[in-house]
Amino acid sequence: MPKSLSIIRLGGNSGLNPMPRRANKILVIRLSSIGDIVLTTPLLRSLQHAFPDVEIDYCTKPAFVSLLASNPRLSAIYTTKTLPSGGYDCVVDLQNNFRSHSIVRSLRSPQTFRYRKENWKKWLLVNFKLNLYGEYRSVVDRYHDALNNIERASDQPGCELYLTIEEQAYAAAILTSGKKTLALCFGAKHFTKRYPPKQFAAIVTLLLTKEPLQIVLLGGREDAAQAKELMDNLPNNCRSKVSNLAGCSTLMQTAAILANCDAVLCNDTGLMHIASAFGKMLFVLFGSSSSAFGFLPWHTPYELFELHALPCRPCSHIGRDYCPKDHFRCMTDLSPALIVDRISNYFQSTLRG
């Protein structure tokens, strides 16, 4: 017997096809990237909450399968190399680009519901500094807008990631038990989202004079050069207290380390959202980007460092490979001393607690 799916009218529907009264399967599409995929997990929870008997499949790029592989809410995971096929009662396209449209066209599905990216608002904010977003709304909420009549699950748990026993064991072997740990997620795909390694080194040096922390550098192989520069700028007495794990761990091993840290200092990057899935205290550095785009940490404590009054911000909604103004003040003017003060205060308060 087909399973019941109680949908009335979902946002993003063209209105050309009748709504299905009964359904077996839903496909969710989000092809990239790390943070965007993590931010879809509250929607998966809401789908399962509203339609507990429906099978939910997911399609993404191969590089990001590990983020979803252990998620118990999913029945199957497909990729751009092993595409889904056959019929779905509805498709939720959270990528909404040419590639995802092509995937949808290859399927038999009476309804497709799409995330509205509102690229025109991004363009106005980047090019004319005209913010039409209004009150802050997370991308998580905007994903849900595609399903505007769905009964949402409570979002108190935030985003979700599921670790294997092996990944948890890996993290336990890396970190010193009983010692306060700060993770530094110092990388980012684009230059203008990366706090300078020398200033990260200044933060680490100051912190270690105040707090007996173990500090781990987390990132991929592409971040190795920045990690080396950071380490090279540390005084000799600090280097032994910092573990450089950039490029040494898989994505989900890195997630397991984040799950076992006490706090995270990070750029606006995918690892920030991974850490948020474990409810970590985040100290977040925003350079060329803007919180208006909706990518602040979701339902986890955080402190944001950004220069509100800098007239050239934001210069891009995804980041740039260079500073268009040749001064990079959006990052270099973020004070290491202020950041250290806030992190130190946090660790002092948790020790008192």
C-alpha atoms as a PDB file:
ATOM      1  CA  MET A   1       0.000   0.000   0.000  1.00  0.00           C
ATOM      2  CA  PRO A   2       1.355   3.500  -0.765  1.00  0.00           C
ATOM      3  CA  LYS A   3       2.160   5.635   2.233  1.00  0.00           C
ATOM      4  CA  SER A   4       0.265   8.774   3.047  1.00  0.00           C
ATOM      5  CA  LEU A   5       1.829  12.195   2.372  1.00  0.00           C
ATOM      6  CA  SER A   6      -0.255  15.085   3.679  1.00  0.00           C
ATOM      7  CA  ILE A   7       0.872  18.049   1.602  1.00  0.00           C
ATOM      8  CA  ILE A   8      -1.491  20.921   0.853  1.00  0.00           C
ATOM      9  CA  ARG A   9       0.466  23.339  -1.327  1.00  0.00           C
ATOM     10  CA  LEU A  10       4.212  23.778  -1.244  1.00  0.00           C
ATOM     11  CA  GLY A  11       6.093  26.955  -2.136  1.00  0.00           C
ATOM     12  CA  GLY A  12       8.065  26.844  -5.372  1.00  0.00           C
ATOM     13  CA  ASN A  13       5.430  24.757  -7.142  1.00  0.00           C
ATOM     14  CA  SER A  14       4.612  25.929 -10.657  1.00  0.00           C
ATOM     15  CA  GLY A  15       0.957  25.083 -10.113  1.00  0.00           C
ATOM     16  CA  LEU A  16       0.838  23.197 -13.427  1.00  0.00           C
ATOM     17  CA  ASN A  17       0.624  19.726 -11.864  1.00  0.00           C
ATOM     18  CA  PRO A  18      -1.838  18.487  -9.253  1.00  0.00           C
ATOM     19  CA  MET A  19      -0.498  17.893  -5.765  1.00  0.00           C
ATOM     20  CA  PRO A  20       0.014  14.212  -4.908  1.00  0.00           C
ATOM     21  CA  ARG A  21      -2.358  12.856  -2.289  1.00  0.00           C
ATOM     22  CA  ARG A  22      -0.285   9.765  -1.607  1.00  0.00           C
ATOM     23  CA  ALA A  23       3.451   9.233  -1.856  1.00  0.00           C
ATOM     24  CA  ASN A  24       6.214   6.770  -1.210  1.00  0.00           C
ATOM     25  CA  LYS A  25       9.361   8.791  -1.856  1.00  0.00           C
ATOM     26  CA  ILE A  26      10.830  12.290  -1.701  1.00  0.00           C
ATOM     27  CA  LEU A  27      14.152  13.319  -3.260  1.00  0.00           C
ATOM     28  CA  VAL A  28      16.178  16.202  -1.812  1.00  0.00           C
ATOM     29  CA  ILE A  29      18.888  17.737  -4.012  1.00  0.00           C
ATOM     30  CA  ARG A  30      21.769  19.817  -2.688  1.00  0.00           C
ATOM     31  CA  LEU A  31      24.945  19.283  -4.682  1.00  0.00           C
ATOM     32  CA  SER A  32      27.399  21.479  -2.760  1.00  0.00           C
ATOM     33  CA  SER A  33      29.064  22.603  -0.584  1.00  0.00           C
ATOM     34  CA  ILE A  34      29.896  21.484   2.963  1.00  0.00           C
ATOM     35  CA  GLY A  35      28.113  24.234   4.895  1.00  0.00           C
ATOM     36  CA  ASP A  36      25.125  24.358   2.556  1.00  0.00           C
ATOM     37  CA  ILE A  37      24.599  20.602   2.913  1.00  0.00           C
ATOM     38  CA  VAL A  38      24.886  20.673   6.706  1.00  0.00           C
ATOM     39  CA  LEU A  39      22.289  23.450   6.737  1.00  0.00           C
ATOM     40  CA  THR A  40      19.807  21.191   4.901  1.00  0.00           C
ATOM     41  CA  THR A  41      19.683  18.727   7.794  1.00  0.00           C
ATOM     42  CA  PRO A  42      16.983  20.596   9.775  1.00  0.00           C
ATOM     43  CA  LEU A  43      14.766  20.348   6.672  1.00  0.00           C
ATOM     44  CA  LEU A  44      15.345  16.584   6.548  1.00  0.00           C
ATOM     45  CA  ARG A  45      14.244  16.443  10.173  1.00  0.00           C
ATOM     46  CA  SER A  46      11.119  18.448   9.360  1.00  0.00           C
ATOM     47  CA  LEU A  47      10.265  16.200   6.411  1.00  0.00           C
ATOM     48  CA  GLN A  48      10.532  13.114   8.575  1.00  0.00           C
ATOM     49  CA  HIS A  49       8.533  14.790  11.338  1.00  0.00           C
ATOM     50  CA  ALA A  50       5.715  15.746   8.969  1.00  0.00           C
ATOM     51  CA  PHE A  51       5.734  12.525   6.921  1.00  0.00           C
ATOM     52  CA  PRO A  52       7.238   9.798   9.123  1.00  0.00           C
ATOM     53  CA  ASP A  53       6.554   6.937   6.682  1.00  0.00           C
ATOM     54  CA  VAL A  54       7.990   8.564   3.570  1.00  0.00           C
ATOM     55  CA  GLU A  55      11.387   7.441   2.252  1.00  0.00           C
ATOM     56  CA  ILE A  56      13.760  10.361   1.772  1.00  0.00           C
ATOM     57  CA  ASP A  57      16.577  10.110  -0.783  1.00  0.00           C
ATOM     58  CA  TYR A  58      19.347  12.685  -1.256  1.00  0.00           C
ATOM     59  CA  CYS A  59      21.480  13.665  -4.235  1.00  0.00           C
ATOM     60  CA  THR A  60      24.791  15.481  -3.843  1.00  0.00           C
ATOM     61  CA  LYS A  61      28.324  15.530  -5.264  1.00  0.00           C
ATOM     62  CA  PRO A  62      30.570  12.545  -4.467  1.00  0.00           C
ATOM     63  CA  ALA A  63      32.906  14.651  -2.309  1.00  0.00           C
ATOM     64  CA  PHE A  64      30.128  15.330   0.188  1.00  0.00           C
ATOM     65  CA  VAL A  65      28.545  11.888   0.580  1.00  0.00           C
ATOM     66  CA  SER A  66      30.340  11.313   3.890  1.00  0.00           C
ATOM     67  CA  LEU A  67      28.389  14.185   5.467  1.00  0.00           C
ATOM     68  CA  LEU A  68      25.184  12.217   4.935  1.00  0.00           C
ATOM     69  CA  ALA A  69      26.308   8.587   4.910  1.00  0.00           C
ATOM     70  CA  SER A  70      25.313   7.849   8.527  1.00  0.00           C
ATOM     71  CA  ASN A  71      22.168   9.992   8.582  1.00  0.00           C
ATOM     72  CA  PRO A  72      19.324   7.696   9.697  1.00  0.00           C
ATOM     73  CA  ARG A  73      16.706   9.959   8.107  1.00  0.00           C
ATOM     74  CA  LEU A  74      17.872   9.028   4.601  1.00  0.00           C
ATOM     75  CA  SER A  75      16.970   5.888   2.678  1.00  0.00           C
ATOM     76  CA  ALA A  76      19.484   6.315  -0.163  1.00  0.00           C
ATOM     77  CA  ILE A  77      22.192   8.742  -1.243  1.00  0.00           C
ATOM     78  CA  TYR A  78      22.868   9.421  -4.913  1.00  0.00           C
ATOM     79  CA  THR A  79      25.543  11.525  -6.554  1.00  0.00           C
ATOM     80  CA  THR A  80      26.194  13.345  -9.786  1.00  0.00           C
ATOM     81  CA  LYS A  81      28.064  10.185 -10.872  1.00  0.00           C
ATOM     82  CA  THR A  82      25.356   7.739  -9.737  1.00  0.00           C
ATOM     83  CA  LEU A  83      22.179   9.687 -10.422  1.00  0.00           C
ATOM     84  CA  PRO A  84      18.776   8.834  -9.000  1.00  0.00           C
ATOM     85  CA  SER A  85      16.285   7.370 -11.424  1.00  0.00           C
ATOM     86  CA  GLY A  86      12.670   6.357 -11.628  1.00  0.00           C
ATOM     87  CA  GLY A  87       9.794   8.046  -9.913  1.00  0.00           C
ATOM     88  CA  TYR A  88       9.432  10.364  -6.946  1.00  0.00           C
ATOM     89  CA  ASP A  89       6.229  11.829  -5.624  1.00  0.00           C
ATOM     90  CA  CYS A  90       8.012  15.135  -5.188  1.00  0.00           C
ATOM     91  CA  VAL A  91      11.517  16.568  -5.501  1.00  0.00           C
ATOM     92  CA  VAL A  92      12.903  19.281  -3.230  1.00  0.00           C
ATOM     93  CA  ASP A  93      15.599  21.087  -5.222  1.00  0.00           C
ATOM     94  CA  LEU A  94      17.689  23.106  -2.781  1.00  0.00           C
ATOM     95  CA  GLN A  95      20.456  23.715  -5.331  1.00  0.00           C
ATOM     96  CA  ASN A  96      18.274  25.315  -8.007  1.00  0.00           C
ATOM     97  CA  ASN A  97      20.809  25.554 -10.832  1.00  0.00           C
ATOM     98  CA  PHE A  98      21.219  24.120 -14.328  1.00  0.00           C
ATOM     99  CA  ARG A  99      22.711  20.866 -13.022  1.00  0.00           C
ATOM    100  CA  SER A 100      19.944  20.201 -10.525  1.00  0.00           C
ATOM    101  CA  HIS A 101      17.301  21.126 -13.109  1.00  0.00           C
ATOM    102  CA  SER A 102      18.810  18.524 -15.439  1.00  0.00           C
ATOM    103  CA  ILE A 103      18.568  15.889 -12.703  1.00  0.00           C
ATOM    104  CA  VAL A 104      14.929  16.770 -12.053  1.00  0.00           C
ATOM    105  CA  ARG A 105      14.089  16.518 -15.755  1.00  0.00           C
ATOM    106  CA  SER A 106      15.496  12.992 -15.835  1.00  0.00           C
ATOM    107  CA  LEU A 107      13.036  11.829 -13.174  1.00  0.00           C
ATOM    108  CA  ARG A 108       9.361  11.066 -13.099  1.00  0.00           C
ATOM    109  CA  SER A 109       7.988  13.448 -10.515  1.00  0.00           C
ATOM    110  CA  PRO A 110       4.710  15.380 -10.596  1.00  0.00           C
ATOM    111  CA  GLN A 111       5.989  18.173  -8.345  1.00  0.00           C
ATOM    112  CA  THR A 112       9.251  20.004  -7.808  1.00  0.00           C
ATOM    113  CA  PHE A 113       9.768  22.543  -5.068  1.00  0.00           C
ATOM    114  CA  ARG A 114      12.758  24.862  -5.280  1.00  0.00           C
ATOM    115  CA  TYR A 115      14.776  27.003  -2.907  1.00  0.00           C
ATOM    116  CA  ARG A 116      14.620  30.631  -4.012  1.00  0.00           C
ATOM    117  CA  LYS A 117      18.175  31.942  -3.903  1.00  0.00           C
ATOM    118  CA  GLU A 118      17.203  35.605  -4.256  1.00  0.00           C
ATOM    119  CA  ASN A 119      20.387  36.306  -6.198  1.00  0.00           C
ATOM    120  CA  TRP A 120      19.112  39.784  -7.072  1.00  0.00           C
ATOM    121  CA  LYS A 121      19.264  40.727  -3.388  1.00  0.00           C
ATOM    122  CA  LYS A 122      22.841  39.451  -3.189  1.00  0.00           C
ATOM    123  CA  TRP A 123      23.725  41.488  -6.270  1.00  0.00           C
ATOM    124  CA  LEU A 124      22.267  44.683  -4.850  1.00  0.00           C
ATOM    125  CA  LEU A 125      24.025  44.214  -1.525  1.00  0.00           C
ATOM    126  CA  VAL A 126      27.411  43.447  -3.098  1.00  0.00           C
ATOM    127  CA  ASN A 127      27.325  46.099  -5.810  1.00  0.00           C
ATOM    128  CA  PHE A 128      25.322  48.933  -4.221  1.00  0.00           C
ATOM    129  CA  LYS A 129      25.419  48.028  -0.503  1.00  0.00           C
ATOM    130  CA  LEU A 130      21.626  48.050  -0.586  1.00  0.00           C
ATOM    131  CA  ASN A 131      20.347  45.505   1.945  1.00  0.00           C
ATOM    132  CA  LEU A 132      16.835  44.368   1.090  1.00  0.00           C
ATOM    133  CA  TYR A 133      16.966  41.215   3.197  1.00  0.00           C
ATOM    134  CA  GLY A 134      15.309  42.902   6.147  1.00  0.00           C
ATOM    135  CA  GLU A 135      15.456  41.137   9.494  1.00  0.00           C
ATOM    136  CA  TYR A 136      18.014  38.335   9.552  1.00  0.00           C
ATOM    137  CA  ARG A 137      16.758  34.978   8.318  1.00  0.00           C
ATOM    138  CA  SER A 138      18.935  31.909   8.174  1.00  0.00           C
ATOM    139  CA  VAL A 139      19.320  29.871   5.008  1.00  0.00           C
ATOM    140  CA  VAL A 140      17.757  27.085   7.086  1.00  0.00           C
ATOM    141  CA  ASP A 141      14.528  29.087   7.245  1.00  0.00           C
ATOM    142  CA  ARG A 142      14.751  29.933   3.557  1.00  0.00           C
ATOM    143  CA  TYR A 143      15.177  26.247   2.691  1.00  0.00           C
ATOM    144  CA  HIS A 144      11.967  25.628   4.603  1.00  0.00           C
ATOM    145  CA  ASP A 145      10.250  28.372   2.606  1.00  0.00           C
ATOM    146  CA  ALA A 146      10.286  25.981  -0.355  1.00  0.00           C
ATOM    147  CA  LEU A 147       7.898  23.875   1.724  1.00  0.00           C
ATOM    148  CA  ASN A 148       5.952  26.713   3.272  1.00  0.00           C
ATOM    149  CA  ASN A 149       3.030  24.648   4.554  1.00  0.00           C
ATOM    150  CA  ILE A 150       5.038  21.835   6.036  1.00  0.00           C
ATOM    151  CA  GLU A 151       4.726  21.233   9.765  1.00  0.00           C
ATOM    152  CA  ARG A 152       8.224  21.922  11.023  1.00  0.00           C
ATOM    153  CA  ALA A 153       9.963  19.922  13.680  1.00  0.00           C
ATOM    154  CA  SER A 154      11.325  21.752  16.683  1.00  0.00           C
ATOM    155  CA  ASP A 155      14.653  23.215  15.597  1.00  0.00           C
ATOM    156  CA  GLN A 156      16.202  23.293  19.045  1.00  0.00           C
ATOM    157  CA  PRO A 157      18.624  20.457  18.143  1.00  0.00           C
ATOM    158  CA  GLY A 158      20.072  22.572  15.314  1.00  0.00           C
ATOM    159  CA  CYS A 159      21.877  20.918  12.409  1.00  0.00           C
ATOM    160  CA  GLU A 160      22.689  17.227  12.466  1.00  0.00           C
ATOM    161  CA  LEU A 161      25.741  15.108  11.677  1.00  0.00           C
ATOM    162  CA  TYR A 162      26.164  11.464  12.623  1.00  0.00           C
ATOM    163  CA  LEU A 163      29.566   9.989  13.425  1.00  0.00           C
ATOM    164  CA  THR A 164      30.620   6.361  13.154  1.00  0.00           C
ATOM    165  CA  ILE A 165      32.247   4.537  16.071  1.00  0.00           C
ATOM    166  CA  GLU A 166      35.517   4.557  14.128  1.00  0.00           C
ATOM    167  CA  GLU A 167      35.407   8.331  13.637  1.00  0.00           C
ATOM    168  CA  GLN A 168      34.715   8.878  17.323  1.00  0.00           C
ATOM    169  CA  ALA A 169      37.612   6.604  18.256  1.00  0.00           C
ATOM    170  CA  TYR A 170      39.921   8.526  15.927  1.00  0.00           C
ATOM    171  CA  ALA A 171      39.126  11.801  17.683  1.00  0.00           C
ATOM    172  CA  ALA A 172      39.535  10.257  21.126  1.00  0.00           C
ATOM    173  CA  ALA A 173      43.041   9.095  20.182  1.00  0.00           C
ATOM    174  CA  ILE A 174      44.019  12.556  18.902  1.00  0.00           C
ATOM    175  CA  LEU A 175      42.907  14.719  21.820  1.00  0.00           C
ATOM    176  CA  THR A 176      44.275  14.725  25.356  1.00  0.00           C
ATOM    177  CA  SER A 177      41.536  13.709  27.734  1.00  0.00           C
ATOM    178  CA  GLY A 178      40.542  16.246  30.380  1.00  0.00           C
ATOM    179  CA  LYS A 179      42.317  19.182  28.752  1.00  0.00           C
ATOM    180  CA  LYS A 180      40.438  22.175  27.368  1.00  0.00           C
ATOM    181  CA  THR A 181      40.627  22.203  23.582  1.00  0.00           C
ATOM    182  CA  LEU A 182      40.290  24.981  21.042  1.00  0.00           C
ATOM    183  CA  ALA A 183      39.994  24.088  17.358  1.00  0.00           C
ATOM    184  CA  LEU A 184      41.223  26.576  14.741  1.00  0.00           C
ATOM    185  CA  CYS A 185      39.449  26.259  11.398  1.00  0.00           C
ATOM    186  CA  PHE A 186      41.747  28.708   9.673  1.00  0.00           C
ATOM    187  CA  GLY A 187      41.084  27.871   6.028  1.00  0.00           C
ATOM    188  CA  ALA A 188      38.489  28.854   3.463  1.00  0.00           C
ATOM    189  CA  LYS A 189      38.182  28.368  -0.263  1.00  0.00           C
ATOM    190  CA  HIS A 190      38.519  32.066  -1.066  1.00  0.00           C
ATOM    191  CA  PHE A 191      41.253  34.434   0.105  1.00  0.00           C
ATOM    192  CA  THR A 192      38.896  37.159   1.339  1.00  0.00           C
ATOM    193  CA  LYS A 193      37.286  34.726   3.777  1.00  0.00           C
ATOM    194  CA  ARG A 194      40.632  33.767   5.359  1.00  0.00           C
ATOM    195  CA  TYR A 195      41.943  35.545   8.418  1.00  0.00           C
ATOM    196  CA  PRO A 196      45.703  36.032   7.857  1.00  0.00           C
ATOM    197  CA  PRO A 197      47.864  33.187   9.236  1.00  0.00           C
ATOM    198  CA  LYS A 198      50.197  35.655  10.985  1.00  0.00           C
ATOM    199  CA  GLN A 199      47.261  37.084  12.923  1.00  0.00           C
ATOM    200  CA  PHE A 200      46.002  33.602  13.769  1.00  0.00           C
ATOM    201  CA  ALA A 201      49.515  32.934  15.098  1.00  0.00           C
ATOM    202  CA  ALA A 202      49.304  36.100  17.201  1.00  0.00           C
ATOM    203  CA  ILE A 203      45.997  34.869  18.667  1.00  0.00           C
ATOM    204  CA  VAL A 204      47.460  31.470  19.512  1.00  0.00           C
ATOM    205  CA  THR A 205      50.537  33.018  21.113  1.00  0.00           C
ATOM    206  CA  LEU A 206      48.487  35.360  23.298  1.00  0.00           C
ATOM    207  CA  LEU A 207      45.997  32.648  24.237  1.00  0.00           C
ATOM    208  CA  LEU A 208      48.675  30.252  25.399  1.00  0.00           C
ATOM    209  CA  THR A 209      50.007  32.900  27.792  1.00  0.00           C
ATOM    210  CA  LYS A 210      46.543  33.073  29.375  1.00  0.00           C
ATOM    211  CA  GLU A 211      45.063  29.576  29.159  1.00  0.00           C
ATOM    212  CA  PRO A 212      46.532  26.038  29.401  1.00  0.00           C
ATOM    213  CA  LEU A 213      44.824  24.887  26.202  1.00  0.00           C
ATOM    214  CA  GLN A 214      45.491  22.257  23.632  1.00  0.00           C
ATOM    215  CA  ILE A 215      45.007  23.787  20.196  1.00  0.00           C
ATOM    216  CA  VAL A 216      44.362  21.853  16.987  1.00  0.00           C
ATOM    217  CA  LEU A 217      44.567  23.228  13.455  1.00  0.00           C
ATOM    218  CA  LEU A 218      41.892  21.685  11.241  1.00  0.00           C
ATOM    219  CA  GLY A 219      41.601  21.860   7.478  1.00  0.00           C
ATOM    220  CA  GLY A 220      42.078  19.985   4.242  1.00  0.00           C
ATOM    221  CA  ARG A 221      45.130  19.413   2.084  1.00  0.00           C
ATOM    222  CA  GLU A 222      44.367  22.664   0.288  1.00  0.00           C
ATOM    223  CA  ASP A 223      44.946  24.493   3.589  1.00  0.00           C
ATOM    224  CA  ALA A 224      48.430  23.073   4.207  1.00  0.00           C
ATOM    225  CA  ALA A 225      50.279  26.209   3.072  1.00  0.00           C
ATOM    226  CA  GLN A 226      48.298  28.433   5.435  1.00  0.00           C
ATOM    227  CA  ALA A 227      48.846  25.939   8.266  1.00  0.00           C
ATOM    228  CA  LYS A 228      52.612  25.991   7.687  1.00  0.00           C
ATOM    229  CA  GLU A 229      52.689  29.792   7.665  1.00  0.00           C
ATOM    230  CA  LEU A 230      50.709  29.876  10.892  1.00  0.00           C
ATOM    231  CA  MET A 231      53.030  27.381  12.572  1.00  0.00           C
ATOM    232  CA  ASP A 232      56.154  29.171  11.297  1.00  0.00           C
ATOM    233  CA  ASN A 233      54.944  32.380  12.971  1.00  0.00           C
ATOM    234  CA  LEU A 234      54.582  30.781  16.394  1.00  0.00           C
ATOM    235  CA  PRO A 235      57.385  31.155  18.939  1.00  0.00           C
ATOM    236  CA  ASN A 236      59.229  27.925  19.687  1.00  0.00           C
ATOM    237  CA  ASN A 237      57.662  27.516  23.119  1.00  0.00           C
ATOM    238  CA  CYS A 238      54.156  27.497  21.575  1.00  0.00           C
ATOM    239  CA  ARG A 239      54.629  25.083  18.683  1.00  0.00           C
ATOM    240  CA  SER A 240      54.662  21.981  20.862  1.00  0.00           C
ATOM    241  CA  LYS A 241      51.234  22.969  22.231  1.00  0.00           C
ATOM    242  CA  VAL A 242      49.639  23.159  18.780  1.00  0.00           C
ATOM    243  CA  SER A 243      48.727  20.086  16.703  1.00  0.00           C
ATOM    244  CA  ASN A 244      48.664  20.730  12.969  1.00  0.00           C
ATOM    245  CA  LEU A 245      46.132  18.255  11.532  1.00  0.00           C
ATOM    246  CA  ALA A 246      45.524  20.085   8.246  1.00  0.00           C
ATOM    247  CA  GLY A 247      45.314  17.493   5.488  1.00  0.00           C
ATOM    248  CA  CYS A 248      45.823  14.614   7.932  1.00  0.00           C
ATOM    249  CA  SER A 249      42.171  13.711   8.590  1.00  0.00           C
ATOM    250  CA  THR A 250      39.164  12.878   6.485  1.00  0.00           C
ATOM    251  CA  LEU A 251      36.223  15.267   6.538  1.00  0.00           C
ATOM    252  CA  MET A 252      34.285  13.185   9.046  1.00  0.00           C
ATOM    253  CA  GLN A 253      37.370  12.521  11.191  1.00  0.00           C
ATOM    254  CA  THR A 254      37.724  16.303  11.326  1.00  0.00           C
ATOM    255  CA  ALA A 255      34.030  16.486  12.288  1.00  0.00           C
ATOM    256  CA  ALA A 256      34.675  14.024  15.118  1.00  0.00           C
ATOM    257  CA  ILE A 257      37.531  16.180  16.420  1.00  0.00           C
ATOM    258  CA  LEU A 258      35.258  19.231  16.328  1.00  0.00           C
ATOM    259  CA  ALA A 259      32.629  17.268  18.241  1.00  0.00           C
ATOM    260  CA  ASN A 260      35.163  16.715  21.034  1.00  0.00           C
ATOM    261  CA  CYS A 261      36.531  20.277  21.245  1.00  0.00           C
ATOM    262  CA  ASP A 262      35.361  22.826  23.783  1.00  0.00           C
ATOM    263  CA  ALA A 263      35.273  25.805  21.413  1.00  0.00           C
ATOM    264  CA  VAL A 264      36.095  26.672  17.820  1.00  0.00           C
ATOM    265  CA  LEU A 265      37.705  29.737  16.253  1.00  0.00           C
ATOM    266  CA  CYS A 266      36.838  29.786  12.575  1.00  0.00           C
ATOM    267  CA  ASN A 267      36.420  31.665   9.366  1.00  0.00           C
ATOM    268  CA  ASP A 268      33.113  31.672   7.488  1.00  0.00           C
ATOM    269  CA  THR A 269      33.553  28.149   6.181  1.00  0.00           C
ATOM    270  CA  GLY A 270      32.001  24.703   6.035  1.00  0.00           C
ATOM    271  CA  LEU A 271      33.790  23.531   9.175  1.00  0.00           C
ATOM    272  CA  MET A 272      31.972  26.276  11.070  1.00  0.00           C
ATOM    273  CA  HIS A 273      28.657  24.649  10.182  1.00  0.00           C
ATOM    274  CA  ILE A 274      29.988  21.176  10.988  1.00  0.00           C
ATOM    275  CA  ALA A 275      30.965  22.440  14.454  1.00  0.00           C
ATOM    276  CA  SER A 276      27.516  23.996  14.862  1.00  0.00           C
ATOM    277  CA  ALA A 277      25.951  20.544  14.367  1.00  0.00           C
ATOM    278  CA  PHE A 278      27.612  19.507  17.640  1.00  0.00           C
ATOM    279  CA  GLY A 279      26.492  22.613  19.533  1.00  0.00           C
ATOM    280  CA  LYS A 280      29.986  24.031  19.938  1.00  0.00           C
ATOM    281  CA  MET A 281      30.767  27.560  21.069  1.00  0.00           C
ATOM    282  CA  LEU A 282      31.969  29.341  17.941  1.00  0.00           C
ATOM    283  CA  PHE A 283      34.121  32.440  17.552  1.00  0.00           C
ATOM    284  CA  VAL A 284      33.465  33.447  13.955  1.00  0.00           C
ATOM    285  CA  LEU A 285      35.517  35.775  11.743  1.00  0.00           C
ATOM    286  CA  PHE A 286      33.673  37.385   8.828  1.00  0.00           C
ATOM    287  CA  GLY A 287      35.726  39.244   6.232  1.00  0.00           C
ATOM    288  CA  SER A 288      34.342  40.015   2.796  1.00  0.00           C
ATOM    289  CA  SER A 289      31.042  38.256   3.439  1.00  0.00           C
ATOM    290  CA  SER A 290      27.996  39.497   5.317  1.00  0.00           C
ATOM    291  CA  SER A 291      25.696  37.918   7.854  1.00  0.00           C
ATOM    292  CA  ALA A 292      22.778  39.218   5.781  1.00  0.00           C
ATOM    293  CA  PHE A 293      23.293  36.349   3.331  1.00  0.00           C
ATOM    294  CA  GLY A 294      21.956  33.977   5.996  1.00  0.00           C
ATOM    295  CA  PHE A 295      24.950  31.796   6.820  1.00  0.00           C
ATOM    296  CA  LEU A 296      25.492  32.458  10.499  1.00  0.00           C
ATOM    297  CA  PRO A 297      25.767  29.379  12.736  1.00  0.00           C
ATOM    298  CA  TRP A 298      22.393  27.722  13.285  1.00  0.00           C
ATOM    299  CA  HIS A 299      21.137  27.227  16.861  1.00  0.00           C
ATOM    300  CA  THR A 300      24.490  27.088  18.584  1.00  0.00           C
ATOM    301  CA  PRO A 301      26.212  29.753  20.732  1.00  0.00           C
ATOM    302  CA  TYR A 302      28.573  32.000  18.825  1.00  0.00           C
ATOM    303  CA  GLU A 303      30.305  35.351  18.848  1.00  0.00           C
ATOM    304  CA  LEU A 304      30.752  37.150  15.542  1.00  0.00           C
ATOM    305  CA  PHE A 305      33.705  39.402  14.717  1.00  0.00           C
ATOM    306  CA  GLU A 306      33.214  41.679  11.720  1.00  0.00           C
ATOM    307  CA  LEU A 307      33.741  45.328  10.724  1.00  0.00           C
ATOM    308  CA  HIS A 308      30.235  46.746  10.359  1.00  0.00           C
ATOM    309  CA  ALA A 309      31.289  50.220   9.216  1.00  0.00           C
ATOM    310  CA  LEU A 310      33.662  49.222   6.420  1.00  0.00           C
ATOM    311  CA  PRO A 311      32.000  50.674   3.290  1.00  0.00           C
ATOM    312  CA  CYS A 312      33.403  48.076   0.860  1.00  0.00           C
ATOM    313  CA  ARG A 313      31.804  45.141   2.689  1.00  0.00           C
ATOM    314  CA  PRO A 314      30.505  42.850   1.358  1.00  0.00           C
ATOM    315  CA  CYS A 315      32.521  42.688  -1.852  1.00  0.00           C
ATOM    316  CA  SER A 316      31.204  39.229  -2.751  1.00  0.00           C
ATOM    317  CA  HIS A 317      28.617  36.756  -1.541  1.00  0.00           C
ATOM    318  CA  ILE A 318      30.994  33.786  -1.951  1.00  0.00           C
ATOM    319  CA  GLY A 319      34.427  35.362  -1.469  1.00  0.00           C
ATOM    320  CA  ARG A 320      37.230  36.536  -3.761  1.00  0.00           C
ATOM    321  CA  ASP A 321      40.783  35.448  -4.522  1.00  0.00           C
ATOM    322  CA  TYR A 322      42.068  38.970  -3.814  1.00  0.00           C
ATOM    323  CA  CYS A 323      40.990  42.171  -2.098  1.00  0.00           C
ATOM    324  CA  PRO A 324      39.572  44.569  -4.720  1.00  0.00           C
ATOM    325  CA  LYS A 325      40.719  47.540  -2.631  1.00  0.00           C
ATOM    326  CA  ASP A 326      44.209  46.150  -1.942  1.00  0.00           C
ATOM    327  CA  HIS A 327      43.949  46.755   1.801  1.00  0.00           C
ATOM    328  CA  PHE A 328      42.048  43.685   3.106  1.00  0.00           C
ATOM    329  CA  ARG A 329      40.934  45.665   6.130  1.00  0.00           C
ATOM    330  CA  CYS A 330      37.833  43.507   6.595  1.00  0.00           C
ATOM    331  CA  MET A 331      40.175  40.868   8.044  1.00  0.00           C
ATOM    332  CA  THR A 332      43.407  42.628   9.012  1.00  0.00           C
ATOM    333  CA  ASP A 333      41.545  45.167  11.182  1.00  0.00           C
ATOM    334  CA  LEU A 334      39.995  42.433  13.327  1.00  0.00           C
ATOM    335  CA  SER A 335      42.022  42.752  16.527  1.00  0.00           C
ATOM    336  CA  PRO A 336      43.805  39.592  17.753  1.00  0.00           C
ATOM    337  CA  ALA A 337      43.814  41.040  21.279  1.00  0.00           C
ATOM    338  CA  LEU A 338      40.019  41.473  21.281  1.00  0.00           C
ATOM    339  CA  ILE A 339      39.474  37.960  19.936  1.00  0.00           C
ATOM    340  CA  VAL A 340      41.824  36.507  22.552  1.00  0.00           C
ATOM    341  CA  ASP A 341      40.024  38.421  25.291  1.00  0.00           C
ATOM    342  CA  ARG A 342      36.626  36.970  24.296  1.00  0.00           C
ATOM    343  CA  ILE A 343      37.936  33.418  23.962  1.00  0.00           C
ATOM    344  CA  SER A 344      39.817  33.636  27.270  1.00  0.00           C
ATOM    345  CA  ASN A 345      36.709  34.971  29.015  1.00  0.00           C
ATOM    346  CA  TYR A 346      34.719  32.050  27.655  1.00  0.00           C
ATOM    347  CA  PHE A 347      37.176  29.458  28.928  1.00  0.00           C
ATOM    348  CA  GLN A 348      37.413  31.202  32.303  1.00  0.00           C
ATOM    349  CA  SER A 349      33.616  31.178  32.628  1.00  0.00           C
ATOM    350  CA  THR A 350      33.399  27.484  31.741  1.00  0.00           C
ATOM    351  CA  LEU A 351      36.123  26.636  34.272  1.00  0.00           C
ATOM    352  CA  ARG A 352      34.192  28.547  36.960  1.00  0.00           C
ATOM    353  CA  GLY A 353      31.031  26.725  35.894  1.00  0.00           C
END
